[in-house]
Amino acid sequence: MEMPSIGLAFYIIHRIKNAEVIEAWELDIGPHRFTYQELKHATRGFRDKEVIGFGGFGKVYKGTLRNSNTQVAVKRISNESKQGLQEFVSEIASIGRLRHRNLVQLLGWCRRRGDLLLVYDFMPNGSLDKYLFENPKAILSWEQRFRIVKGVASGLLYLHEGWEQTVIHRDIKAGNVLLDSELNGRLGDFGLAKLYEHGSNPTTTRVVGTLGYLAPELTRTGKPTPSSDVFALGALLLEVVCGRRPIEAKAMPEELILVDWVWDKWKMVQFLMLWTQDWG
């Protein structure tokens, strides 16, 4: 009789260890809270084959929700700091209330011990950088490129001025512009986003973002502003028009940083020579 008892004891310990513990502060957090088992089933156990990208904080998995058969993207974030996790979840709760056709919609979330899982709309055409630099099946036309950038600008305007708080994205880049089934651009990955009351000054002094998109003043002050987001949007626009990465490691020193290179060419009245010739 001892062997079944030991097996039962191990089973109970395993269930307790892996049980979802919902703390009091989580009960008031929106949007929808998924169970861990729902997301584990949706991503087939978080299989490596389901990985569709790597965000600033962790892997992104493609999943299908069992009840609705809806395709989603699940970002799995590891954070062992309980206090930091609580603050981050509270901020995600606010971001989950954002509604705009050019933003990737946050559908819900889940927490399991130190892991935070964020559930987003699935974007079937992936990120913009793949269409610009990774030999895509179809080269984007000028009309498509214009529509994508215009959509991203519209979404950014909403973040800065159209909501009850100012949302500073802080990491606008081609990899964070996702394309839906109709190749409309949607701004995603709010992992670095910060919320501020309208008219208030950001207090952070840690420079975050991606090289090539960082506004010059960020390196001096470390304080992100709507203007630093707009600078990054401008760098993205040049990237889309020129078909070059914001930093080209193999380029000549004077051509290393796209924004600086274009500015120098602009001053030399050679701007039109920069247009890429491989799309119609």
C-alpha atoms as a PDB file:
ATOM      1  CA  MET A   1       0.000   0.000   0.000  1.00  0.00           C
ATOM      2  CA  GLU A   2       2.994   2.290   0.414  1.00  0.00           C
ATOM      3  CA  MET A   3       3.787   2.660  -3.296  1.00  0.00           C
ATOM      4  CA  PRO A   4       0.365   4.051  -4.334  1.00  0.00           C
ATOM      5  CA  SER A   5       0.487   6.417  -1.369  1.00  0.00           C
ATOM      6  CA  ILE A   6       3.901   7.715  -2.387  1.00  0.00           C
ATOM      7  CA  GLY A   7       2.714   8.158  -5.978  1.00  0.00           C
ATOM      8  CA  LEU A   8      -0.361  10.032  -4.813  1.00  0.00           C
ATOM      9  CA  ALA A   9       1.770  12.262  -2.607  1.00  0.00           C
ATOM     10  CA  PHE A  10       4.063  13.157  -5.525  1.00  0.00           C
ATOM     11  CA  TYR A  11       1.006  13.868  -7.702  1.00  0.00           C
ATOM     12  CA  ILE A  12      -0.505  16.194  -5.089  1.00  0.00           C
ATOM     13  CA  ILE A  13       2.814  18.012  -4.609  1.00  0.00           C
ATOM     14  CA  HIS A  14       3.131  18.420  -8.389  1.00  0.00           C
ATOM     15  CA  ARG A  15      -0.399  19.851  -8.643  1.00  0.00           C
ATOM     16  CA  ILE A  16       0.205  22.289  -5.795  1.00  0.00           C
ATOM     17  CA  LYS A  17       3.544  23.388  -7.234  1.00  0.00           C
ATOM     18  CA  ASN A  18       2.048  24.060 -10.656  1.00  0.00           C
ATOM     19  CA  ALA A  19      -1.279  25.469  -9.521  1.00  0.00           C
ATOM     20  CA  GLU A  20      -2.150  28.977 -10.621  1.00  0.00           C
ATOM     21  CA  VAL A  21      -2.066  31.315  -7.658  1.00  0.00           C
ATOM     22  CA  ILE A  22      -4.098  34.486  -8.165  1.00  0.00           C
ATOM     23  CA  GLU A  23      -3.211  37.204  -5.699  1.00  0.00           C
ATOM     24  CA  ALA A  24      -5.601  39.907  -4.520  1.00  0.00           C
ATOM     25  CA  TRP A  25      -4.005  42.679  -6.615  1.00  0.00           C
ATOM     26  CA  GLU A  26      -4.646  40.676  -9.801  1.00  0.00           C
ATOM     27  CA  LEU A  27      -8.412  40.509  -9.397  1.00  0.00           C
ATOM     28  CA  ASP A  28      -8.986  44.090 -10.540  1.00  0.00           C
ATOM     29  CA  ILE A  29      -6.579  43.936 -13.482  1.00  0.00           C
ATOM     30  CA  GLY A  30      -8.095  44.008 -16.961  1.00  0.00           C
ATOM     31  CA  PRO A  31      -8.248  43.063 -19.809  1.00  0.00           C
ATOM     32  CA  HIS A  32      -9.353  39.411 -19.920  1.00  0.00           C
ATOM     33  CA  ARG A  33      -7.300  37.058 -17.771  1.00  0.00           C
ATOM     34  CA  PHE A  34      -6.587  33.750 -19.489  1.00  0.00           C
ATOM     35  CA  THR A  35      -5.661  30.627 -17.571  1.00  0.00           C
ATOM     36  CA  TYR A  36      -2.189  29.234 -18.047  1.00  0.00           C
ATOM     37  CA  GLN A  37      -3.626  25.960 -19.281  1.00  0.00           C
ATOM     38  CA  GLU A  38      -5.621  27.789 -21.981  1.00  0.00           C
ATOM     39  CA  LEU A  39      -2.461  29.376 -23.357  1.00  0.00           C
ATOM     40  CA  LYS A  40      -0.386  26.241 -22.950  1.00  0.00           C
ATOM     41  CA  HIS A  41      -2.955  24.342 -25.007  1.00  0.00           C
ATOM     42  CA  ALA A  42      -3.214  27.161 -27.575  1.00  0.00           C
ATOM     43  CA  THR A  43       0.556  27.115 -28.200  1.00  0.00           C
ATOM     44  CA  ARG A  44       0.818  23.305 -28.051  1.00  0.00           C
ATOM     45  CA  GLY A  45       2.853  23.435 -24.885  1.00  0.00           C
ATOM     46  CA  PHE A  46       4.897  26.459 -25.974  1.00  0.00           C
ATOM     47  CA  ARG A  47       6.618  24.369 -28.618  1.00  0.00           C
ATOM     48  CA  ASP A  48       9.652  25.844 -30.333  1.00  0.00           C
ATOM     49  CA  LYS A  49       7.911  25.200 -33.670  1.00  0.00           C
ATOM     50  CA  GLU A  50       5.263  27.739 -32.652  1.00  0.00           C
ATOM     51  CA  VAL A  51       7.791  30.546 -32.053  1.00  0.00           C
ATOM     52  CA  ILE A  52       7.156  33.382 -34.500  1.00  0.00           C
ATOM     53  CA  GLY A  53       9.411  36.043 -33.039  1.00  0.00           C
ATOM     54  CA  PHE A  54      11.489  37.364 -30.210  1.00  0.00           C
ATOM     55  CA  GLY A  55      10.315  40.492 -28.404  1.00  0.00           C
ATOM     56  CA  GLY A  56      12.267  42.759 -26.106  1.00  0.00           C
ATOM     57  CA  PHE A  57      11.381  40.590 -23.106  1.00  0.00           C
ATOM     58  CA  GLY A  58      10.971  37.078 -24.461  1.00  0.00           C
ATOM     59  CA  LYS A  59       9.627  34.720 -27.115  1.00  0.00           C
ATOM     60  CA  VAL A  60       6.403  35.202 -29.073  1.00  0.00           C
ATOM     61  CA  TYR A  61       4.346  32.117 -29.933  1.00  0.00           C
ATOM     62  CA  LYS A  62       1.578  31.563 -32.431  1.00  0.00           C
ATOM     63  CA  GLY A  63      -1.481  30.018 -30.830  1.00  0.00           C
ATOM     64  CA  THR A  64      -5.085  29.059 -31.451  1.00  0.00           C
ATOM     65  CA  LEU A  65      -7.646  29.486 -28.678  1.00  0.00           C
ATOM     66  CA  ARG A  66      -9.603  26.261 -28.233  1.00  0.00           C
ATOM     67  CA  ASN A  67     -13.062  27.714 -27.524  1.00  0.00           C
ATOM     68  CA  SER A  68     -13.205  30.281 -30.341  1.00  0.00           C
ATOM     69  CA  ASN A  69     -10.606  28.864 -32.760  1.00  0.00           C
ATOM     70  CA  THR A  70      -9.112  32.376 -32.844  1.00  0.00           C
ATOM     71  CA  GLN A  71      -5.466  32.735 -33.826  1.00  0.00           C
ATOM     72  CA  VAL A  72      -3.417  34.792 -31.373  1.00  0.00           C
ATOM     73  CA  ALA A  73       0.155  35.771 -30.630  1.00  0.00           C
ATOM     74  CA  VAL A  74       1.326  34.952 -27.101  1.00  0.00           C
ATOM     75  CA  LYS A  75       4.333  36.779 -25.694  1.00  0.00           C
ATOM     76  CA  ARG A  76       5.993  35.053 -22.756  1.00  0.00           C
ATOM     77  CA  ILE A  77       7.894  37.393 -20.438  1.00  0.00           C
ATOM     78  CA  SER A  78      10.066  36.260 -17.540  1.00  0.00           C
ATOM     79  CA  ASN A  79      10.299  38.565 -14.562  1.00  0.00           C
ATOM     80  CA  GLU A  80      11.425  37.285 -11.177  1.00  0.00           C
ATOM     81  CA  SER A  81      10.835  40.603  -9.405  1.00  0.00           C
ATOM     82  CA  LYS A  82       7.357  40.495  -7.835  1.00  0.00           C
ATOM     83  CA  GLN A  83       7.221  44.263  -7.341  1.00  0.00           C
ATOM     84  CA  GLY A  84       8.356  44.952 -10.893  1.00  0.00           C
ATOM     85  CA  LEU A  85       5.890  42.393 -12.209  1.00  0.00           C
ATOM     86  CA  GLN A  86       2.978  44.019 -10.355  1.00  0.00           C
ATOM     87  CA  GLU A  87       3.867  47.463 -11.720  1.00  0.00           C
ATOM     88  CA  PHE A  88       4.247  46.089 -15.231  1.00  0.00           C
ATOM     89  CA  VAL A  89       0.920  44.277 -15.109  1.00  0.00           C
ATOM     90  CA  SER A  90      -0.812  47.438 -13.880  1.00  0.00           C
ATOM     91  CA  GLU A  91       0.611  49.343 -16.834  1.00  0.00           C
ATOM     92  CA  ILE A  92      -0.403  46.575 -19.235  1.00  0.00           C
ATOM     93  CA  ALA A  93      -3.935  46.859 -17.837  1.00  0.00           C
ATOM     94  CA  SER A  94      -4.054  50.471 -19.004  1.00  0.00           C
ATOM     95  CA  ILE A  95      -2.520  49.649 -22.379  1.00  0.00           C
ATOM     96  CA  GLY A  96      -5.184  46.982 -22.811  1.00  0.00           C
ATOM     97  CA  ARG A  97      -7.794  49.743 -22.955  1.00  0.00           C
ATOM     98  CA  LEU A  98      -6.225  51.320 -26.042  1.00  0.00           C
ATOM     99  CA  ARG A  99      -8.375  50.973 -29.159  1.00  0.00           C
ATOM    100  CA  HIS A 100      -7.150  51.981 -32.611  1.00  0.00           C
ATOM    101  CA  ARG A 101      -7.158  50.228 -35.992  1.00  0.00           C
ATOM    102  CA  ASN A 102      -3.409  50.787 -36.372  1.00  0.00           C
ATOM    103  CA  LEU A 103      -2.408  49.326 -33.003  1.00  0.00           C
ATOM    104  CA  VAL A 104      -1.992  45.614 -32.337  1.00  0.00           C
ATOM    105  CA  GLN A 105      -4.786  44.862 -29.883  1.00  0.00           C
ATOM    106  CA  LEU A 106      -3.917  43.385 -26.492  1.00  0.00           C
ATOM    107  CA  LEU A 107      -6.599  40.744 -25.900  1.00  0.00           C
ATOM    108  CA  GLY A 108      -5.626  39.539 -22.451  1.00  0.00           C
ATOM    109  CA  TRP A 109      -2.950  38.273 -20.125  1.00  0.00           C
ATOM    110  CA  CYS A 110      -1.945  35.590 -17.682  1.00  0.00           C
ATOM    111  CA  ARG A 111       0.538  35.259 -14.833  1.00  0.00           C
ATOM    112  CA  ARG A 112       2.160  32.066 -13.607  1.00  0.00           C
ATOM    113  CA  ARG A 113       4.754  32.557 -10.887  1.00  0.00           C
ATOM    114  CA  GLY A 114       7.460  34.771 -12.440  1.00  0.00           C
ATOM    115  CA  ASP A 115       6.113  34.476 -15.993  1.00  0.00           C
ATOM    116  CA  LEU A 116       3.810  37.033 -17.557  1.00  0.00           C
ATOM    117  CA  LEU A 117       1.985  36.042 -20.742  1.00  0.00           C
ATOM    118  CA  LEU A 118       0.432  38.672 -23.008  1.00  0.00           C
ATOM    119  CA  VAL A 119      -2.100  37.710 -25.670  1.00  0.00           C
ATOM    120  CA  TYR A 120      -2.364  39.831 -28.835  1.00  0.00           C
ATOM    121  CA  ASP A 121      -4.167  39.772 -32.152  1.00  0.00           C
ATOM    122  CA  PHE A 122      -2.254  37.557 -34.569  1.00  0.00           C
ATOM    123  CA  MET A 123      -0.788  39.406 -37.547  1.00  0.00           C
ATOM    124  CA  PRO A 124      -0.528  36.883 -40.413  1.00  0.00           C
ATOM    125  CA  ASN A 125       1.968  38.851 -42.495  1.00  0.00           C
ATOM    126  CA  GLY A 126       4.519  39.293 -39.742  1.00  0.00           C
ATOM    127  CA  SER A 127       6.695  42.349 -39.266  1.00  0.00           C
ATOM    128  CA  LEU A 128       7.606  45.058 -41.763  1.00  0.00           C
ATOM    129  CA  ASP A 129      11.360  44.458 -41.550  1.00  0.00           C
ATOM    130  CA  LYS A 130      10.920  41.010 -43.122  1.00  0.00           C
ATOM    131  CA  TYR A 131       9.313  42.616 -46.175  1.00  0.00           C
ATOM    132  CA  LEU A 132      12.088  45.168 -46.456  1.00  0.00           C
ATOM    133  CA  PHE A 133      15.182  43.043 -45.926  1.00  0.00           C
ATOM    134  CA  GLU A 134      14.555  39.285 -45.942  1.00  0.00           C
ATOM    135  CA  ASN A 135      13.748  38.527 -49.607  1.00  0.00           C
ATOM    136  CA  PRO A 136       9.956  38.396 -49.238  1.00  0.00           C
ATOM    137  CA  LYS A 137       7.685  36.675 -51.732  1.00  0.00           C
ATOM    138  CA  ALA A 138       6.283  40.052 -52.771  1.00  0.00           C
ATOM    139  CA  ILE A 139       8.030  43.423 -52.855  1.00  0.00           C
ATOM    140  CA  LEU A 140       5.935  46.203 -51.376  1.00  0.00           C
ATOM    141  CA  SER A 141       4.795  48.832 -53.860  1.00  0.00           C
ATOM    142  CA  TRP A 142       5.081  52.537 -53.151  1.00  0.00           C
ATOM    143  CA  GLU A 143       1.335  52.695 -52.482  1.00  0.00           C
ATOM    144  CA  GLN A 144       1.584  49.879 -49.933  1.00  0.00           C
ATOM    145  CA  ARG A 145       4.597  51.453 -48.232  1.00  0.00           C
ATOM    146  CA  PHE A 146       2.829  54.793 -48.016  1.00  0.00           C
ATOM    147  CA  ARG A 147      -0.283  53.204 -46.509  1.00  0.00           C
ATOM    148  CA  ILE A 148       1.758  51.307 -43.931  1.00  0.00           C
ATOM    149  CA  VAL A 149       3.687  54.363 -42.747  1.00  0.00           C
ATOM    150  CA  LYS A 150       0.545  56.500 -42.754  1.00  0.00           C
ATOM    151  CA  GLY A 151      -1.204  53.905 -40.592  1.00  0.00           C
ATOM    152  CA  VAL A 152       1.654  53.793 -38.108  1.00  0.00           C
ATOM    153  CA  ALA A 153       1.663  57.611 -37.920  1.00  0.00           C
ATOM    154  CA  SER A 154      -2.091  57.551 -37.261  1.00  0.00           C
ATOM    155  CA  GLY A 155      -1.652  55.027 -34.457  1.00  0.00           C
ATOM    156  CA  LEU A 156       1.179  57.052 -32.939  1.00  0.00           C
ATOM    157  CA  LEU A 157      -0.902  60.240 -32.992  1.00  0.00           C
ATOM    158  CA  TYR A 158      -3.598  58.394 -31.061  1.00  0.00           C
ATOM    159  CA  LEU A 159      -1.047  57.273 -28.452  1.00  0.00           C
ATOM    160  CA  HIS A 160       0.254  60.795 -27.996  1.00  0.00           C
ATOM    161  CA  GLU A 161      -2.938  62.841 -28.164  1.00  0.00           C
ATOM    162  CA  GLY A 162      -6.034  60.709 -28.648  1.00  0.00           C
ATOM    163  CA  TRP A 163      -6.211  58.891 -25.334  1.00  0.00           C
ATOM    164  CA  GLU A 164      -6.745  60.004 -21.744  1.00  0.00           C
ATOM    165  CA  GLN A 165      -3.009  59.703 -21.053  1.00  0.00           C
ATOM    166  CA  THR A 166       0.021  60.283 -23.215  1.00  0.00           C
ATOM    167  CA  VAL A 167       1.552  56.958 -24.202  1.00  0.00           C
ATOM    168  CA  ILE A 168       5.185  57.109 -25.281  1.00  0.00           C
ATOM    169  CA  HIS A 169       6.067  53.973 -27.222  1.00  0.00           C
ATOM    170  CA  ARG A 170       9.876  54.344 -26.969  1.00  0.00           C
ATOM    171  CA  ASP A 171      10.769  51.590 -29.462  1.00  0.00           C
ATOM    172  CA  ILE A 172       9.289  52.406 -32.854  1.00  0.00           C
ATOM    173  CA  LYS A 173      11.083  50.392 -35.540  1.00  0.00           C
ATOM    174  CA  ALA A 174      10.322  48.207 -38.547  1.00  0.00           C
ATOM    175  CA  GLY A 175      10.404  45.090 -36.378  1.00  0.00           C
ATOM    176  CA  ASN A 176       7.589  46.503 -34.243  1.00  0.00           C
ATOM    177  CA  VAL A 177       5.360  47.357 -37.202  1.00  0.00           C
ATOM    178  CA  LEU A 178       3.166  44.325 -37.856  1.00  0.00           C
ATOM    179  CA  LEU A 179       1.138  43.695 -40.994  1.00  0.00           C
ATOM    180  CA  ASP A 180      -2.381  42.305 -40.987  1.00  0.00           C
ATOM    181  CA  SER A 181      -3.988  40.182 -43.710  1.00  0.00           C
ATOM    182  CA  GLU A 182      -4.439  43.276 -45.917  1.00  0.00           C
ATOM    183  CA  LEU A 183      -0.911  44.596 -45.303  1.00  0.00           C
ATOM    184  CA  ASN A 184      -2.113  47.438 -43.093  1.00  0.00           C
ATOM    185  CA  GLY A 185       0.580  48.597 -40.671  1.00  0.00           C
ATOM    186  CA  ARG A 186      -0.095  48.197 -36.949  1.00  0.00           C
ATOM    187  CA  LEU A 187       2.206  49.416 -34.225  1.00  0.00           C
ATOM    188  CA  GLY A 188       2.948  46.696 -31.705  1.00  0.00           C
ATOM    189  CA  ASP A 189       5.228  45.623 -28.854  1.00  0.00           C
ATOM    190  CA  PHE A 190       4.417  47.994 -26.023  1.00  0.00           C
ATOM    191  CA  GLY A 191       6.996  46.315 -23.797  1.00  0.00           C
ATOM    192  CA  LEU A 192       8.874  49.584 -23.327  1.00  0.00           C
ATOM    193  CA  ALA A 193       5.855  51.895 -23.440  1.00  0.00           C
ATOM    194  CA  LYS A 194       5.257  54.347 -20.614  1.00  0.00           C
ATOM    195  CA  LEU A 195       2.127  56.221 -19.611  1.00  0.00           C
ATOM    196  CA  TYR A 196       2.179  59.853 -18.537  1.00  0.00           C
ATOM    197  CA  GLU A 197      -0.428  62.399 -17.650  1.00  0.00           C
ATOM    198  CA  HIS A 198      -0.879  64.961 -20.422  1.00  0.00           C
ATOM    199  CA  GLY A 199       1.568  67.821 -19.920  1.00  0.00           C
ATOM    200  CA  SER A 200       3.724  66.030 -17.327  1.00  0.00           C
ATOM    201  CA  ASN A 201       7.425  65.342 -17.715  1.00  0.00           C
ATOM    202  CA  PRO A 202       8.767  61.784 -17.895  1.00  0.00           C
ATOM    203  CA  THR A 203      11.088  61.033 -14.963  1.00  0.00           C
ATOM    204  CA  THR A 204      13.008  58.040 -16.288  1.00  0.00           C
ATOM    205  CA  THR A 205      16.680  58.640 -17.100  1.00  0.00           C
ATOM    206  CA  ARG A 206      17.533  55.250 -18.608  1.00  0.00           C
ATOM    207  CA  VAL A 207      17.975  55.343 -22.379  1.00  0.00           C
ATOM    208  CA  VAL A 208      15.864  52.628 -24.013  1.00  0.00           C
ATOM    209  CA  GLY A 209      15.061  51.909 -27.627  1.00  0.00           C
ATOM    210  CA  THR A 210      16.972  50.719 -30.680  1.00  0.00           C
ATOM    211  CA  LEU A 211      20.116  52.238 -32.173  1.00  0.00           C
ATOM    212  CA  GLY A 212      19.440  54.088 -35.379  1.00  0.00           C
ATOM    213  CA  TYR A 213      16.032  55.260 -34.170  1.00  0.00           C
ATOM    214  CA  LEU A 214      17.134  57.162 -31.052  1.00  0.00           C
ATOM    215  CA  ALA A 215      16.645  60.928 -31.049  1.00  0.00           C
ATOM    216  CA  PRO A 216      19.886  62.863 -30.333  1.00  0.00           C
ATOM    217  CA  GLU A 217      18.513  64.400 -27.132  1.00  0.00           C
ATOM    218  CA  LEU A 218      17.851  60.958 -25.623  1.00  0.00           C
ATOM    219  CA  THR A 219      21.564  60.306 -25.243  1.00  0.00           C
ATOM    220  CA  ARG A 220      21.878  63.568 -23.276  1.00  0.00           C
ATOM    221  CA  THR A 221      18.754  63.574 -21.128  1.00  0.00           C
ATOM    222  CA  GLY A 222      17.587  59.953 -21.151  1.00  0.00           C
ATOM    223  CA  LYS A 223      14.008  61.263 -21.049  1.00  0.00           C
ATOM    224  CA  PRO A 224      11.655  59.961 -23.751  1.00  0.00           C
ATOM    225  CA  THR A 225       9.060  62.361 -25.102  1.00  0.00           C
ATOM    226  CA  PRO A 226       6.483  62.340 -27.902  1.00  0.00           C
ATOM    227  CA  SER A 227       9.128  64.139 -29.968  1.00  0.00           C
ATOM    228  CA  SER A 228      11.588  61.262 -29.568  1.00  0.00           C
ATOM    229  CA  ASP A 229       8.867  58.909 -30.838  1.00  0.00           C
ATOM    230  CA  VAL A 230       8.363  61.188 -33.844  1.00  0.00           C
ATOM    231  CA  PHE A 231      12.114  61.105 -34.546  1.00  0.00           C
ATOM    232  CA  ALA A 232      11.981  57.302 -34.564  1.00  0.00           C
ATOM    233  CA  LEU A 233       8.991  57.453 -36.929  1.00  0.00           C
ATOM    234  CA  GLY A 234      11.044  59.655 -39.267  1.00  0.00           C
ATOM    235  CA  ALA A 235      13.887  57.126 -39.199  1.00  0.00           C
ATOM    236  CA  LEU A 236      11.352  54.411 -40.035  1.00  0.00           C
ATOM    237  CA  LEU A 237      10.044  56.471 -42.953  1.00  0.00           C
ATOM    238  CA  LEU A 238      13.560  56.805 -44.379  1.00  0.00           C
ATOM    239  CA  GLU A 239      14.086  53.077 -43.902  1.00  0.00           C
ATOM    240  CA  VAL A 240      10.922  52.299 -45.884  1.00  0.00           C
ATOM    241  CA  VAL A 241      11.728  54.764 -48.679  1.00  0.00           C
ATOM    242  CA  CYS A 242      15.432  53.981 -49.032  1.00  0.00           C
ATOM    243  CA  GLY A 243      15.268  50.229 -48.445  1.00  0.00           C
ATOM    244  CA  ARG A 244      18.177  50.434 -46.007  1.00  0.00           C
ATOM    245  CA  ARG A 245      18.509  49.528 -42.360  1.00  0.00           C
ATOM    246  CA  PRO A 246      18.848  52.438 -39.887  1.00  0.00           C
ATOM    247  CA  ILE A 247      22.380  51.250 -39.151  1.00  0.00           C
ATOM    248  CA  GLU A 248      24.260  49.482 -41.943  1.00  0.00           C
ATOM    249  CA  ALA A 249      27.210  47.724 -40.338  1.00  0.00           C
ATOM    250  CA  LYS A 250      29.000  47.022 -43.635  1.00  0.00           C
ATOM    251  CA  ALA A 251      28.648  50.554 -44.999  1.00  0.00           C
ATOM    252  CA  MET A 252      31.339  53.212 -45.281  1.00  0.00           C
ATOM    253  CA  PRO A 253      31.765  55.245 -42.057  1.00  0.00           C
ATOM    254  CA  GLU A 254      29.938  58.241 -43.543  1.00  0.00           C
ATOM    255  CA  GLU A 255      27.037  55.971 -44.538  1.00  0.00           C
ATOM    256  CA  LEU A 256      26.793  54.005 -41.289  1.00  0.00           C
ATOM    257  CA  ILE A 257      23.746  55.776 -39.782  1.00  0.00           C
ATOM    258  CA  LEU A 258      20.871  56.189 -42.241  1.00  0.00           C
ATOM    259  CA  VAL A 259      19.471  59.407 -40.738  1.00  0.00           C
ATOM    260  CA  ASP A 260      22.868  61.132 -40.838  1.00  0.00           C
ATOM    261  CA  TRP A 261      23.611  59.865 -44.329  1.00  0.00           C
ATOM    262  CA  VAL A 262      20.289  61.107 -45.711  1.00  0.00           C
ATOM    263  CA  TRP A 263      20.802  64.463 -44.033  1.00  0.00           C
ATOM    264  CA  ASP A 264      24.207  64.837 -45.636  1.00  0.00           C
ATOM    265  CA  LYS A 265      22.778  63.893 -49.030  1.00  0.00           C
ATOM    266  CA  TRP A 266      19.888  66.289 -48.545  1.00  0.00           C
ATOM    267  CA  LYS A 267      22.339  69.107 -48.006  1.00  0.00           C
ATOM    268  CA  MET A 268      24.089  68.060 -51.211  1.00  0.00           C
ATOM    269  CA  VAL A 269      20.774  68.038 -53.146  1.00  0.00           C
ATOM    270  CA  GLN A 270      21.152  64.334 -53.858  1.00  0.00           C
ATOM    271  CA  PHE A 271      18.119  63.101 -51.941  1.00  0.00           C
ATOM    272  CA  LEU A 272      16.362  61.569 -54.953  1.00  0.00           C
ATOM    273  CA  MET A 273      19.403  59.388 -55.667  1.00  0.00           C
ATOM    274  CA  LEU A 274      18.679  57.453 -52.468  1.00  0.00           C
ATOM    275  CA  TRP A 275      15.420  55.921 -53.662  1.00  0.00           C
ATOM    276  CA  THR A 276      15.676  52.200 -54.021  1.00  0.00           C
ATOM    277  CA  GLN A 277      15.140  50.916 -57.560  1.00  0.00           C
ATOM    278  CA  ASP A 278      13.846  47.416 -56.797  1.00  0.00           C
ATOM    279  CA  TRP A 279      10.163  48.209 -56.294  1.00  0.00           C
ATOM    280  CA  GLY A 280       7.498  49.772 -58.424  1.00  0.00           C
END
